Structures are given as C-alpha cells and as structure tokens.
Amino acid sequence: MILVRHGQSHFNVHFGATREDPGFVDPGLTEEGIAQARNAGRTLLGYDIRRILASPYSRTLETAELIADQLRLPVTVDPMVRERAFFTCDVGSPRSHLTTRWPDFEFGDMAERWWPDIETETELFERCGRFRAATSVLEDWRHMLVVTHWGFIRGLTGQEVTNAAVVPYDPTAG
C-alpha cells in the first residue's frame, strides 16, 4: 500500500509561518500544493496502483483528483482515513457539497456531516488500528493508494511527513 499526504494547503502555509490556527475551514490546495500533487502522481506511475482511497477533506480530494487523472483510476472516499480533528481546517464540507464538486468520486454511504468535533490521540490510534486490521486482510492491499493526512500517516507509521510525501506501508507488519 502507498500512503500519500495531500499537497500543501492554505492552512499549511499560514500555520507553518505562524504556528497559529488561521481559522480556515476545509482549505484547498495552494498552487504549490497542486504542483506537489501532480509530481506525486508522476512518481506513482511507477507503482502498480489499482485502487485509490481518499479522505473527504477538500485538500485530499484535490490531491486524489490530480493523481487519479494521471493513473486513470477512480477514487473512493472514506472518512476512516481523515485527519485527526484538532484544528479549524479539520472541519469538513458536507457530503452534498463534496458530491457536487466531485461527482465522479464514489462516496458510498458517507454521512452528510462526517467529521467529528474533536478526536483525541487515543481515538486517532484506535481508528488507525481499525484501518490496519481492515486493510491487512484485503487481497489487493498491495495495490492501494491512500490519499490522507499528516496525523493519519503518523498514527499508522510513526512518521511525520511533508506535503505530498509518498510512503510505502504494509498493514500486515503490525
């Protein structure tokens, strides 16, 4: 499985400079973030990706869209791989808004309001554990791409990664 952190968002720029929450709700990608996502897509052409799973935040959906266009694959959206709810940027957009903006993505039975108000570190690690358990038994996990977030990748791997980082991950390794 390959994990990819979303490209640079408007939140990332402001928070990186000030270490203060700028109050951006569900921010999108910057021009740099778009370039990063396209570059990640080019990198992923060398992998045998057959399925893309993405978090429902706009920054991950934009990243997934840019990568999916290069890989010519559909995108399935799943709140299980969302960011840890902690900052204002972790307030999501309603499903109805997202399905209008990304009509070709598969949203399954995702709720209209799918994001929590807050999530503790313990809750994040428990969610990561559920994801690990669910994906480790899939026959195609080696061919999955998951477009996700810093917190979720950290919760799964212990790594703190930069925007658009491409991280190989084995859910069977524990």
C-alpha atoms as a PDB file:
ATOM      1  CA  MET A   1       0.000   0.000   0.000  1.00  0.00           C
ATOM      2  CA  ILE A   2       1.107   3.543  -0.655  1.00  0.00           C
ATOM      3  CA  LEU A   3       0.125   6.433   1.616  1.00  0.00           C
ATOM      4  CA  VAL A   4       0.302   9.954   0.201  1.00  0.00           C
ATOM      5  CA  ARG A   5      -0.117  13.075   2.264  1.00  0.00           C
ATOM      6  CA  HIS A   6      -2.129  15.780   0.499  1.00  0.00           C
ATOM      7  CA  GLY A   7      -0.344  18.640  -1.217  1.00  0.00           C
ATOM      8  CA  GLN A   8       0.286  21.946   0.542  1.00  0.00           C
ATOM      9  CA  SER A   9      -2.940  23.617   1.686  1.00  0.00           C
ATOM     10  CA  HIS A  10      -3.633  27.244   2.549  1.00  0.00           C
ATOM     11  CA  PHE A  11      -3.741  26.170   6.211  1.00  0.00           C
ATOM     12  CA  ASN A  12      -0.241  24.642   5.910  1.00  0.00           C
ATOM     13  CA  VAL A  13       1.212  27.913   4.601  1.00  0.00           C
ATOM     14  CA  HIS A  14      -0.224  30.071   7.366  1.00  0.00           C
ATOM     15  CA  PHE A  15       0.311  27.584  10.203  1.00  0.00           C
ATOM     16  CA  GLY A  16       3.864  26.865   9.049  1.00  0.00           C
ATOM     17  CA  ALA A  17       4.720  30.575   9.233  1.00  0.00           C
ATOM     18  CA  THR A  18       2.895  31.473  12.462  1.00  0.00           C
ATOM     19  CA  ARG A  19       2.181  28.205  14.356  1.00  0.00           C
ATOM     20  CA  GLU A  20      -1.331  29.651  14.836  1.00  0.00           C
ATOM     21  CA  ASP A  21      -4.618  28.226  13.574  1.00  0.00           C
ATOM     22  CA  PRO A  22      -5.786  30.688  10.876  1.00  0.00           C
ATOM     23  CA  GLY A  23      -9.409  29.541  11.126  1.00  0.00           C
ATOM     24  CA  PHE A  24      -9.671  28.111   7.588  1.00  0.00           C
ATOM     25  CA  VAL A  25     -12.481  25.568   7.278  1.00  0.00           C
ATOM     26  CA  ASP A  26     -11.691  22.691   4.860  1.00  0.00           C
ATOM     27  CA  PRO A  27      -8.996  24.593   2.943  1.00  0.00           C
ATOM     28  CA  GLY A  28      -7.961  23.688  -0.568  1.00  0.00           C
ATOM     29  CA  LEU A  29      -4.553  23.339  -2.144  1.00  0.00           C
ATOM     30  CA  THR A  30      -2.212  26.199  -2.967  1.00  0.00           C
ATOM     31  CA  GLU A  31      -0.548  26.414  -6.376  1.00  0.00           C
ATOM     32  CA  GLU A  32       2.469  24.735  -4.765  1.00  0.00           C
ATOM     33  CA  GLY A  33       0.168  22.000  -3.428  1.00  0.00           C
ATOM     34  CA  ILE A  34      -1.239  21.409  -6.910  1.00  0.00           C
ATOM     35  CA  ALA A  35       2.305  21.069  -8.278  1.00  0.00           C
ATOM     36  CA  GLN A  36       3.217  18.699  -5.433  1.00  0.00           C
ATOM     37  CA  ALA A  37       0.168  16.513  -6.124  1.00  0.00           C
ATOM     38  CA  ARG A  38       0.992  16.347  -9.828  1.00  0.00           C
ATOM     39  CA  ASN A  39       4.572  15.389  -9.001  1.00  0.00           C
ATOM     40  CA  ALA A  40       3.346  12.655  -6.625  1.00  0.00           C
ATOM     41  CA  GLY A  41       1.141  11.361  -9.444  1.00  0.00           C
ATOM     42  CA  ARG A  42       4.146  11.145 -11.770  1.00  0.00           C
ATOM     43  CA  THR A  43       6.072   9.265  -9.084  1.00  0.00           C
ATOM     44  CA  LEU A  44       3.179   6.842  -8.612  1.00  0.00           C
ATOM     45  CA  LEU A  45       3.150   5.915 -12.297  1.00  0.00           C
ATOM     46  CA  GLY A  46       5.989   3.559 -11.374  1.00  0.00           C
ATOM     47  CA  TYR A  47       3.830   1.648  -8.879  1.00  0.00           C
ATOM     48  CA  ASP A  48       1.177  -0.988  -9.571  1.00  0.00           C
ATOM     49  CA  ILE A  49      -1.701   1.070  -8.130  1.00  0.00           C
ATOM     50  CA  ARG A  50      -5.141  -0.289  -8.938  1.00  0.00           C
ATOM     51  CA  ARG A  51      -7.325   1.481  -6.407  1.00  0.00           C
ATOM     52  CA  ILE A  52      -7.392   4.952  -4.811  1.00  0.00           C
ATOM     53  CA  LEU A  53      -8.933   5.672  -1.412  1.00  0.00           C
ATOM     54  CA  ALA A  54      -9.118   9.286  -0.227  1.00  0.00           C
ATOM     55  CA  SER A  55     -10.085  11.280   2.836  1.00  0.00           C
ATOM     56  CA  PRO A  56     -13.156  13.531   2.365  1.00  0.00           C
ATOM     57  CA  TYR A  57     -11.363  16.833   3.024  1.00  0.00           C
ATOM     58  CA  SER A  58     -11.070  19.162   0.021  1.00  0.00           C
ATOM     59  CA  ARG A  59      -7.262  19.170   0.173  1.00  0.00           C
ATOM     60  CA  THR A  60      -7.119  15.369  -0.094  1.00  0.00           C
ATOM     61  CA  LEU A  61      -9.833  15.192  -2.749  1.00  0.00           C
ATOM     62  CA  GLU A  62      -7.998  17.760  -4.872  1.00  0.00           C
ATOM     63  CA  THR A  63      -4.773  15.778  -4.434  1.00  0.00           C
ATOM     64  CA  ALA A  64      -6.531  12.491  -5.253  1.00  0.00           C
ATOM     65  CA  GLU A  65      -8.144  14.022  -8.342  1.00  0.00           C
ATOM     66  CA  LEU A  66      -4.804  15.165  -9.734  1.00  0.00           C
ATOM     67  CA  ILE A  67      -3.211  11.778  -9.066  1.00  0.00           C
ATOM     68  CA  ALA A  68      -6.221   9.811 -10.359  1.00  0.00           C
ATOM     69  CA  ASP A  69      -6.131  11.757 -13.633  1.00  0.00           C
ATOM     70  CA  GLN A  70      -2.550  10.591 -14.182  1.00  0.00           C
ATOM     71  CA  LEU A  71      -3.167   6.999 -13.073  1.00  0.00           C
ATOM     72  CA  ARG A  72      -6.560   6.831 -14.836  1.00  0.00           C
ATOM     73  CA  LEU A  73      -8.229   5.330 -11.783  1.00  0.00           C
ATOM     74  CA  PRO A  74     -11.471   6.073  -9.934  1.00  0.00           C
ATOM     75  CA  VAL A  75     -11.476   7.474  -6.400  1.00  0.00           C
ATOM     76  CA  THR A  76     -13.379   6.064  -3.432  1.00  0.00           C
ATOM     77  CA  VAL A  77     -13.879   8.447  -0.499  1.00  0.00           C
ATOM     78  CA  ASP A  78     -13.730   7.148   3.075  1.00  0.00           C
ATOM     79  CA  PRO A  79     -13.817   9.171   6.326  1.00  0.00           C
ATOM     80  CA  MET A  80     -11.811   6.383   8.021  1.00  0.00           C
ATOM     81  CA  VAL A  81      -8.630   7.933   6.529  1.00  0.00           C
ATOM     82  CA  ARG A  82      -9.467  11.522   7.542  1.00  0.00           C
ATOM     83  CA  GLU A  83      -7.226  13.821   9.562  1.00  0.00           C
ATOM     84  CA  ARG A  84      -7.369  13.890  13.332  1.00  0.00           C
ATOM     85  CA  ALA A  85      -9.962  16.516  14.228  1.00  0.00           C
ATOM     86  CA  PHE A  86      -7.999  19.174  16.083  1.00  0.00           C
ATOM     87  CA  PHE A  87      -7.700  22.432  14.091  1.00  0.00           C
ATOM     88  CA  THR A  88     -10.316  24.536  12.274  1.00  0.00           C
ATOM     89  CA  CYS A  89      -9.082  23.083   8.974  1.00  0.00           C
ATOM     90  CA  ASP A  90     -10.375  19.714  10.210  1.00  0.00           C
ATOM     91  CA  VAL A  91     -13.980  20.887   9.967  1.00  0.00           C
ATOM     92  CA  GLY A  92     -15.096  19.271   6.732  1.00  0.00           C
ATOM     93  CA  SER A  93     -17.541  20.164   3.999  1.00  0.00           C
ATOM     94  CA  PRO A  94     -20.927  18.425   3.890  1.00  0.00           C
ATOM     95  CA  ARG A  95     -21.250  15.364   1.688  1.00  0.00           C
ATOM     96  CA  SER A  96     -23.754  17.188  -0.565  1.00  0.00           C
ATOM     97  CA  HIS A  97     -21.154  19.873  -1.305  1.00  0.00           C
ATOM     98  CA  LEU A  98     -18.426  17.311  -1.976  1.00  0.00           C
ATOM     99  CA  THR A  99     -20.551  15.146  -4.279  1.00  0.00           C
ATOM    100  CA  THR A 100     -21.455  18.229  -6.309  1.00  0.00           C
ATOM    101  CA  ARG A 101     -17.796  19.239  -6.647  1.00  0.00           C
ATOM    102  CA  TRP A 102     -16.534  15.683  -7.317  1.00  0.00           C
ATOM    103  CA  PRO A 103     -19.485  13.927  -8.994  1.00  0.00           C
ATOM    104  CA  ASP A 104     -17.353  11.078 -10.365  1.00  0.00           C
ATOM    105  CA  PHE A 105     -15.976  10.060  -6.961  1.00  0.00           C
ATOM    106  CA  GLU A 106     -17.596   7.202  -5.023  1.00  0.00           C
ATOM    107  CA  PHE A 107     -18.851   8.391  -1.619  1.00  0.00           C
ATOM    108  CA  GLY A 108     -20.684   5.211  -0.575  1.00  0.00           C
ATOM    109  CA  ASP A 109     -22.882   5.679   2.486  1.00  0.00           C
ATOM    110  CA  MET A 110     -20.867   8.569   3.947  1.00  0.00           C
ATOM    111  CA  ALA A 111     -22.969  10.778   6.235  1.00  0.00           C
ATOM    112  CA  GLU A 112     -23.793  14.387   5.353  1.00  0.00           C
ATOM    113  CA  ARG A 113     -21.734  15.525   8.378  1.00  0.00           C
ATOM    114  CA  TRP A 114     -18.912  13.002   8.526  1.00  0.00           C
ATOM    115  CA  TRP A 115     -16.238  14.763  10.624  1.00  0.00           C
ATOM    116  CA  PRO A 116     -16.068  14.725  14.451  1.00  0.00           C
ATOM    117  CA  ASP A 117     -15.821  17.851  16.585  1.00  0.00           C
ATOM    118  CA  ILE A 118     -12.563  16.690  18.139  1.00  0.00           C
ATOM    119  CA  GLU A 119     -10.560  13.476  18.271  1.00  0.00           C
ATOM    120  CA  THR A 120      -8.051  12.544  20.948  1.00  0.00           C
ATOM    121  CA  GLU A 121      -4.705  10.925  20.189  1.00  0.00           C
ATOM    122  CA  THR A 122      -6.079   7.683  21.648  1.00  0.00           C
ATOM    123  CA  GLU A 123      -9.096   7.837  19.331  1.00  0.00           C
ATOM    124  CA  LEU A 124      -6.818   8.513  16.351  1.00  0.00           C
ATOM    125  CA  PHE A 125      -4.650   5.491  17.166  1.00  0.00           C
ATOM    126  CA  GLU A 126      -7.744   3.324  17.628  1.00  0.00           C
ATOM    127  CA  ARG A 127      -9.069   4.424  14.211  1.00  0.00           C
ATOM    128  CA  CYS A 128      -5.669   3.713  12.646  1.00  0.00           C
ATOM    129  CA  GLY A 129      -5.761   0.266  14.243  1.00  0.00           C
ATOM    130  CA  ARG A 130      -9.203  -0.421  12.762  1.00  0.00           C
ATOM    131  CA  PHE A 131      -7.948   0.679   9.333  1.00  0.00           C
ATOM    132  CA  ARG A 132      -4.838  -1.504   9.654  1.00  0.00           C
ATOM    133  CA  ALA A 133      -6.946  -4.531  10.632  1.00  0.00           C
ATOM    134  CA  ALA A 134      -9.470  -3.970   7.839  1.00  0.00           C
ATOM    135  CA  THR A 135      -6.896  -3.482   5.083  1.00  0.00           C
ATOM    136  CA  SER A 136      -4.452  -6.201   6.146  1.00  0.00           C
ATOM    137  CA  VAL A 137      -6.953  -8.898   5.124  1.00  0.00           C
ATOM    138  CA  LEU A 138      -7.717  -7.405   1.704  1.00  0.00           C
ATOM    139  CA  GLU A 139      -6.287  -9.322  -1.216  1.00  0.00           C
ATOM    140  CA  ASP A 140      -5.394  -6.103  -3.060  1.00  0.00           C
ATOM    141  CA  TRP A 141      -3.853  -4.003  -0.262  1.00  0.00           C
ATOM    142  CA  ARG A 142      -0.503  -4.031  -2.094  1.00  0.00           C
ATOM    143  CA  HIS A 143      -2.164  -2.151  -4.979  1.00  0.00           C
ATOM    144  CA  MET A 144      -3.943   0.524  -2.922  1.00  0.00           C
ATOM    145  CA  LEU A 145      -3.138   4.199  -2.785  1.00  0.00           C
ATOM    146  CA  VAL A 146      -4.474   6.105   0.234  1.00  0.00           C
ATOM    147  CA  VAL A 147      -4.530   9.906  -0.050  1.00  0.00           C
ATOM    148  CA  THR A 148      -4.607  11.118   3.518  1.00  0.00           C
ATOM    149  CA  HIS A 149      -3.067  13.422   6.134  1.00  0.00           C
ATOM    150  CA  TRP A 150      -0.081  14.055   8.391  1.00  0.00           C
ATOM    151  CA  GLY A 151      -1.884  12.836  11.512  1.00  0.00           C
ATOM    152  CA  PHE A 152      -3.257   9.661   9.962  1.00  0.00           C
ATOM    153  CA  ILE A 153       0.114   8.718   8.451  1.00  0.00           C
ATOM    154  CA  ARG A 154       1.784   9.413  11.799  1.00  0.00           C
ATOM    155  CA  GLY A 155      -0.828   7.281  13.541  1.00  0.00           C
ATOM    156  CA  LEU A 156      -0.163   4.349  11.201  1.00  0.00           C
ATOM    157  CA  THR A 157       3.602   4.567  10.717  1.00  0.00           C
ATOM    158  CA  GLY A 158       5.020   6.867  13.408  1.00  0.00           C
ATOM    159  CA  GLN A 159       6.451   9.061  10.611  1.00  0.00           C
ATOM    160  CA  GLU A 160       5.938  12.826  10.412  1.00  0.00           C
ATOM    161  CA  VAL A 161       5.903  13.516   6.669  1.00  0.00           C
ATOM    162  CA  THR A 162       5.925  16.563   4.418  1.00  0.00           C
ATOM    163  CA  ASN A 163       3.185  17.538   1.977  1.00  0.00           C
ATOM    164  CA  ALA A 164       2.746  15.092  -0.916  1.00  0.00           C
ATOM    165  CA  ALA A 165       5.127  12.556   0.661  1.00  0.00           C
ATOM    166  CA  VAL A 166       4.844   9.059  -0.833  1.00  0.00           C
ATOM    167  CA  VAL A 167       5.087   6.449   1.932  1.00  0.00           C
ATOM    168  CA  PRO A 168       5.082   2.677   1.357  1.00  0.00           C
ATOM    169  CA  TYR A 169       3.094   0.918   4.103  1.00  0.00           C
ATOM    170  CA  ASP A 170       2.500  -2.724   4.977  1.00  0.00           C
ATOM    171  CA  PRO A 171      -0.640  -3.124   7.125  1.00  0.00           C
ATOM    172  CA  THR A 172       0.309  -6.730   7.890  1.00  0.00           C
ATOM    173  CA  ALA A 173       3.553  -5.682   9.604  1.00  0.00           C
ATOM    174  CA  GLY A 174       1.777  -4.710  12.801  1.00  0.00           C
END
